[in-house]
Amino acid sequence: MLTTSALLAATTAHTVAHAGHWGHGGFGWWFIFPLFWIALIVLFIVGRRRGQRTEHRQAAEGVLRERYARGEIDETEFRQRLEVLHAAQRR
């Protein structure tokens, strides 16, 4: 009859022999973690760039509104330039 420690050793040896060191075999989890961090970094960079573009567009619209308020440009020119800014945003 096997003792508890002998049974545990036999079970552990069987598991390691058939499933590898990671337990249940199959796809290694080591591959997923670097992909997760790479995706997270890429999303952060893309988000920052989008935020910067929005800030630049809002700054340009602010300057355009100030020029219109001071009377440097008329309403037609203001609307034309504003449409150009919005068209550039859609690209």
N, C-alpha and C. Protein backbone atom coordinates (compact mmCIF):
# COMPACT_ATOMS: atom_id res chain seq x y z
N MET A 1 0.83 -1.16 0.00
CA MET A 1 0.00 0.00 0.00
C MET A 1 0.89 1.25 0.00
N LEU A 2 0.47 2.29 -0.74
CA LEU A 2 1.26 3.52 -0.85
C LEU A 2 0.95 4.45 0.31
N THR A 3 1.98 5.12 0.77
CA THR A 3 1.78 6.13 1.80
C THR A 3 1.31 7.42 1.14
N THR A 4 0.87 8.34 1.94
CA THR A 4 0.38 9.62 1.42
C THR A 4 1.48 10.37 0.68
N SER A 5 2.68 10.41 1.22
CA SER A 5 3.77 11.13 0.57
C SER A 5 4.19 10.44 -0.72
N ALA A 6 4.15 9.12 -0.79
CA ALA A 6 4.49 8.40 -2.01
C ALA A 6 3.44 8.64 -3.07
N LEU A 7 2.16 8.66 -2.67
CA LEU A 7 1.08 8.93 -3.61
C LEU A 7 1.18 10.35 -4.16
N LEU A 8 1.48 11.31 -3.29
CA LEU A 8 1.65 12.70 -3.72
C LEU A 8 2.82 12.83 -4.68
N ALA A 9 3.93 12.17 -4.40
CA ALA A 9 5.09 12.22 -5.28
C ALA A 9 4.78 11.60 -6.63
N ALA A 10 4.06 10.50 -6.64
CA ALA A 10 3.70 9.84 -7.90
C ALA A 10 2.76 10.71 -8.72
N THR A 11 1.79 11.34 -8.07
CA THR A 11 0.85 12.21 -8.76
C THR A 11 1.57 13.42 -9.34
N THR A 12 2.47 14.03 -8.58
CA THR A 12 3.22 15.19 -9.05
C THR A 12 4.11 14.81 -10.22
N ALA A 13 4.77 13.68 -10.15
CA ALA A 13 5.63 13.24 -11.24
C ALA A 13 4.81 12.98 -12.49
N HIS A 14 3.63 12.39 -12.34
CA HIS A 14 2.76 12.13 -13.48
C HIS A 14 2.30 13.44 -14.12
N THR A 15 1.92 14.43 -13.30
CA THR A 15 1.46 15.72 -13.81
C THR A 15 2.57 16.44 -14.57
N VAL A 16 3.77 16.48 -14.02
CA VAL A 16 4.89 17.15 -14.67
C VAL A 16 5.28 16.44 -15.95
N ALA A 17 5.22 15.13 -15.95
CA ALA A 17 5.61 14.36 -17.14
C ALA A 17 4.65 14.57 -18.28
N HIS A 18 3.37 14.73 -17.99
CA HIS A 18 2.38 14.82 -19.06
C HIS A 18 1.89 16.23 -19.35
N ALA A 19 2.07 17.14 -18.43
CA ALA A 19 1.52 18.48 -18.61
C ALA A 19 2.59 19.56 -18.61
N GLY A 20 3.82 19.23 -18.42
CA GLY A 20 4.86 20.24 -18.38
C GLY A 20 4.90 20.93 -17.03
N HIS A 21 5.75 21.89 -16.92
CA HIS A 21 5.94 22.57 -15.64
C HIS A 21 4.82 23.56 -15.32
N TRP A 22 4.00 23.94 -16.28
CA TRP A 22 2.99 24.97 -16.06
C TRP A 22 1.66 24.40 -15.61
N GLY A 23 1.60 23.13 -15.33
CA GLY A 23 0.37 22.59 -14.76
C GLY A 23 -0.45 21.78 -15.73
N HIS A 24 -1.28 22.44 -16.52
CA HIS A 24 -2.25 21.72 -17.33
C HIS A 24 -1.88 21.65 -18.80
N GLY A 25 -0.73 22.08 -19.18
CA GLY A 25 -0.29 22.00 -20.57
C GLY A 25 -1.00 23.02 -21.43
N GLY A 26 -0.95 22.84 -22.71
CA GLY A 26 -1.63 23.75 -23.62
C GLY A 26 -0.81 25.00 -23.89
N PHE A 27 -1.51 26.04 -24.25
CA PHE A 27 -0.89 27.30 -24.64
C PHE A 27 -0.22 27.97 -23.44
N GLY A 28 1.00 28.43 -23.64
CA GLY A 28 1.72 29.09 -22.55
C GLY A 28 1.22 30.50 -22.29
N TRP A 29 0.89 30.81 -21.05
CA TRP A 29 0.41 32.14 -20.67
C TRP A 29 1.49 33.19 -20.80
N TRP A 30 2.72 32.78 -20.85
CA TRP A 30 3.82 33.73 -20.96
C TRP A 30 3.71 34.56 -22.22
N PHE A 31 3.01 34.06 -23.23
CA PHE A 31 2.89 34.75 -24.50
C PHE A 31 1.85 35.87 -24.45
N ILE A 32 0.85 35.74 -23.60
CA ILE A 32 -0.25 36.70 -23.57
C ILE A 32 0.13 37.98 -22.83
N PHE A 33 0.89 37.89 -21.77
CA PHE A 33 1.21 39.07 -20.97
C PHE A 33 1.99 40.14 -21.76
N PRO A 34 3.02 39.78 -22.52
CA PRO A 34 3.69 40.84 -23.31
C PRO A 34 2.76 41.47 -24.35
N LEU A 35 1.87 40.67 -24.96
CA LEU A 35 0.93 41.23 -25.92
C LEU A 35 -0.03 42.21 -25.26
N PHE A 36 -0.45 41.91 -24.06
CA PHE A 36 -1.33 42.81 -23.31
C PHE A 36 -0.64 44.15 -23.07
N TRP A 37 0.60 44.13 -22.62
CA TRP A 37 1.32 45.38 -22.33
C TRP A 37 1.62 46.17 -23.60
N ILE A 38 1.94 45.47 -24.68
CA ILE A 38 2.19 46.16 -25.96
C ILE A 38 0.91 46.85 -26.42
N ALA A 39 -0.22 46.14 -26.35
CA ALA A 39 -1.50 46.74 -26.76
C ALA A 39 -1.85 47.93 -25.88
N LEU A 40 -1.60 47.84 -24.60
CA LEU A 40 -1.88 48.95 -23.68
C LEU A 40 -1.04 50.18 -24.01
N ILE A 41 0.23 49.98 -24.32
CA ILE A 41 1.11 51.09 -24.67
C ILE A 41 0.69 51.74 -25.98
N VAL A 42 0.33 50.91 -26.97
CA VAL A 42 -0.12 51.44 -28.27
C VAL A 42 -1.39 52.26 -28.09
N LEU A 43 -2.34 51.77 -27.31
CA LEU A 43 -3.57 52.52 -27.07
C LEU A 43 -3.29 53.84 -26.36
N PHE A 44 -2.35 53.86 -25.44
CA PHE A 44 -1.98 55.09 -24.75
C PHE A 44 -1.41 56.11 -25.74
N ILE A 45 -0.52 55.66 -26.62
CA ILE A 45 0.11 56.57 -27.59
C ILE A 45 -0.93 57.12 -28.56
N VAL A 46 -1.81 56.26 -29.06
CA VAL A 46 -2.85 56.70 -30.00
C VAL A 46 -3.78 57.71 -29.32
N GLY A 47 -4.14 57.45 -28.09
CA GLY A 47 -5.01 58.37 -27.36
C GLY A 47 -4.37 59.73 -27.15
N ARG A 48 -3.08 59.73 -26.84
CA ARG A 48 -2.37 61.01 -26.65
C ARG A 48 -2.34 61.81 -27.95
N ARG A 49 -2.08 61.13 -29.05
CA ARG A 49 -2.01 61.84 -30.33
C ARG A 49 -3.36 62.43 -30.71
N ARG A 50 -4.42 61.68 -30.47
CA ARG A 50 -5.76 62.20 -30.77
C ARG A 50 -6.07 63.41 -29.92
N GLY A 51 -5.69 63.35 -28.66
CA GLY A 51 -5.92 64.48 -27.76
C GLY A 51 -5.16 65.73 -28.20
N GLN A 52 -3.95 65.54 -28.69
CA GLN A 52 -3.16 66.68 -29.16
C GLN A 52 -3.78 67.29 -30.39
N ARG A 53 -4.29 66.45 -31.31
CA ARG A 53 -4.93 66.98 -32.51
C ARG A 53 -6.16 67.80 -32.14
N THR A 54 -6.94 67.31 -31.18
CA THR A 54 -8.13 68.03 -30.75
C THR A 54 -7.76 69.37 -30.13
N GLU A 55 -6.70 69.39 -29.34
CA GLU A 55 -6.26 70.64 -28.73
C GLU A 55 -5.82 71.64 -29.79
N HIS A 56 -5.11 71.17 -30.82
CA HIS A 56 -4.65 72.08 -31.88
C HIS A 56 -5.84 72.64 -32.66
N ARG A 57 -6.82 71.79 -32.94
CA ARG A 57 -7.99 72.25 -33.68
C ARG A 57 -8.77 73.29 -32.87
N GLN A 58 -8.93 73.02 -31.57
CA GLN A 58 -9.65 73.97 -30.72
C GLN A 58 -8.90 75.29 -30.61
N ALA A 59 -7.57 75.23 -30.56
CA ALA A 59 -6.78 76.45 -30.52
C ALA A 59 -6.94 77.24 -31.81
N ALA A 60 -6.95 76.53 -32.95
CA ALA A 60 -7.12 77.21 -34.23
C ALA A 60 -8.50 77.84 -34.33
N GLU A 61 -9.52 77.15 -33.86
CA GLU A 61 -10.86 77.72 -33.87
C GLU A 61 -10.93 78.95 -32.96
N GLY A 62 -10.23 78.90 -31.84
CA GLY A 62 -10.22 80.04 -30.92
C GLY A 62 -9.62 81.28 -31.57
N VAL A 63 -8.52 81.09 -32.27
CA VAL A 63 -7.88 82.22 -32.97
C VAL A 63 -8.83 82.77 -34.04
N LEU A 64 -9.47 81.86 -34.76
CA LEU A 64 -10.40 82.29 -35.80
C LEU A 64 -11.57 83.08 -35.19
N ARG A 65 -12.09 82.61 -34.07
CA ARG A 65 -13.19 83.32 -33.41
C ARG A 65 -12.75 84.70 -32.90
N GLU A 66 -11.53 84.79 -32.40
CA GLU A 66 -11.01 86.08 -31.94
C GLU A 66 -10.87 87.06 -33.10
N ARG A 67 -10.37 86.59 -34.22
CA ARG A 67 -10.23 87.47 -35.39
C ARG A 67 -11.58 87.96 -35.88
N TYR A 68 -12.58 87.06 -35.83
CA TYR A 68 -13.93 87.46 -36.23
C TYR A 68 -14.51 88.47 -35.24
N ALA A 69 -14.28 88.24 -33.96
CA ALA A 69 -14.79 89.16 -32.94
C ALA A 69 -14.16 90.53 -33.04
N ARG A 70 -12.87 90.60 -33.41
CA ARG A 70 -12.19 91.89 -33.54
C ARG A 70 -12.54 92.58 -34.85
N GLY A 71 -13.23 91.89 -35.76
CA GLY A 71 -13.61 92.48 -37.03
C GLY A 71 -12.55 92.36 -38.11
N GLU A 72 -11.52 91.54 -37.89
CA GLU A 72 -10.47 91.38 -38.89
C GLU A 72 -10.96 90.59 -40.10
N ILE A 73 -11.93 89.71 -39.89
CA ILE A 73 -12.51 88.95 -40.99
C ILE A 73 -14.03 89.06 -40.89
N ASP A 74 -14.71 88.94 -42.05
CA ASP A 74 -16.17 89.01 -42.05
C ASP A 74 -16.77 87.62 -41.83
N GLU A 75 -18.09 87.57 -41.74
CA GLU A 75 -18.76 86.30 -41.44
C GLU A 75 -18.54 85.26 -42.52
N THR A 76 -18.54 85.66 -43.77
CA THR A 76 -18.33 84.70 -44.87
C THR A 76 -16.96 84.05 -44.77
N GLU A 77 -15.93 84.86 -44.57
CA GLU A 77 -14.58 84.32 -44.44
C GLU A 77 -14.45 83.44 -43.19
N PHE A 78 -15.10 83.87 -42.10
CA PHE A 78 -15.07 83.07 -40.87
C PHE A 78 -15.65 81.68 -41.11
N ARG A 79 -16.83 81.64 -41.75
CA ARG A 79 -17.48 80.35 -41.99
C ARG A 79 -16.67 79.48 -42.97
N GLN A 80 -16.07 80.09 -43.97
CA GLN A 80 -15.24 79.33 -44.90
C GLN A 80 -14.03 78.71 -44.20
N ARG A 81 -13.36 79.49 -43.41
CA ARG A 81 -12.18 78.98 -42.71
C ARG A 81 -12.56 77.93 -41.65
N LEU A 82 -13.69 78.14 -41.00
CA LEU A 82 -14.16 77.17 -40.02
C LEU A 82 -14.48 75.84 -40.71
N GLU A 83 -15.06 75.91 -41.90
CA GLU A 83 -15.34 74.69 -42.66
C GLU A 83 -14.07 73.98 -43.07
N VAL A 84 -13.05 74.72 -43.41
CA VAL A 84 -11.75 74.12 -43.75
C VAL A 84 -11.18 73.39 -42.55
N LEU A 85 -11.26 74.00 -41.37
CA LEU A 85 -10.78 73.34 -40.16
C LEU A 85 -11.54 72.05 -39.86
N HIS A 86 -12.85 72.09 -40.02
CA HIS A 86 -13.67 70.89 -39.77
C HIS A 86 -13.39 69.81 -40.80
N ALA A 87 -13.15 70.20 -42.06
CA ALA A 87 -12.82 69.21 -43.09
C ALA A 87 -11.48 68.55 -42.80
N ALA A 88 -10.54 69.32 -42.30
CA ALA A 88 -9.23 68.75 -41.95
C ALA A 88 -9.37 67.79 -40.77
N GLN A 89 -10.30 68.05 -39.88
CA GLN A 89 -10.53 67.18 -38.72
C GLN A 89 -11.09 65.84 -39.18
N ARG A 90 -11.96 65.82 -40.16
CA ARG A 90 -12.60 64.59 -40.63
C ARG A 90 -11.64 63.65 -41.32
N ARG A 91 -10.52 64.16 -41.80
CA ARG A 91 -9.54 63.30 -42.50
C ARG A 91 -8.82 62.41 -41.59
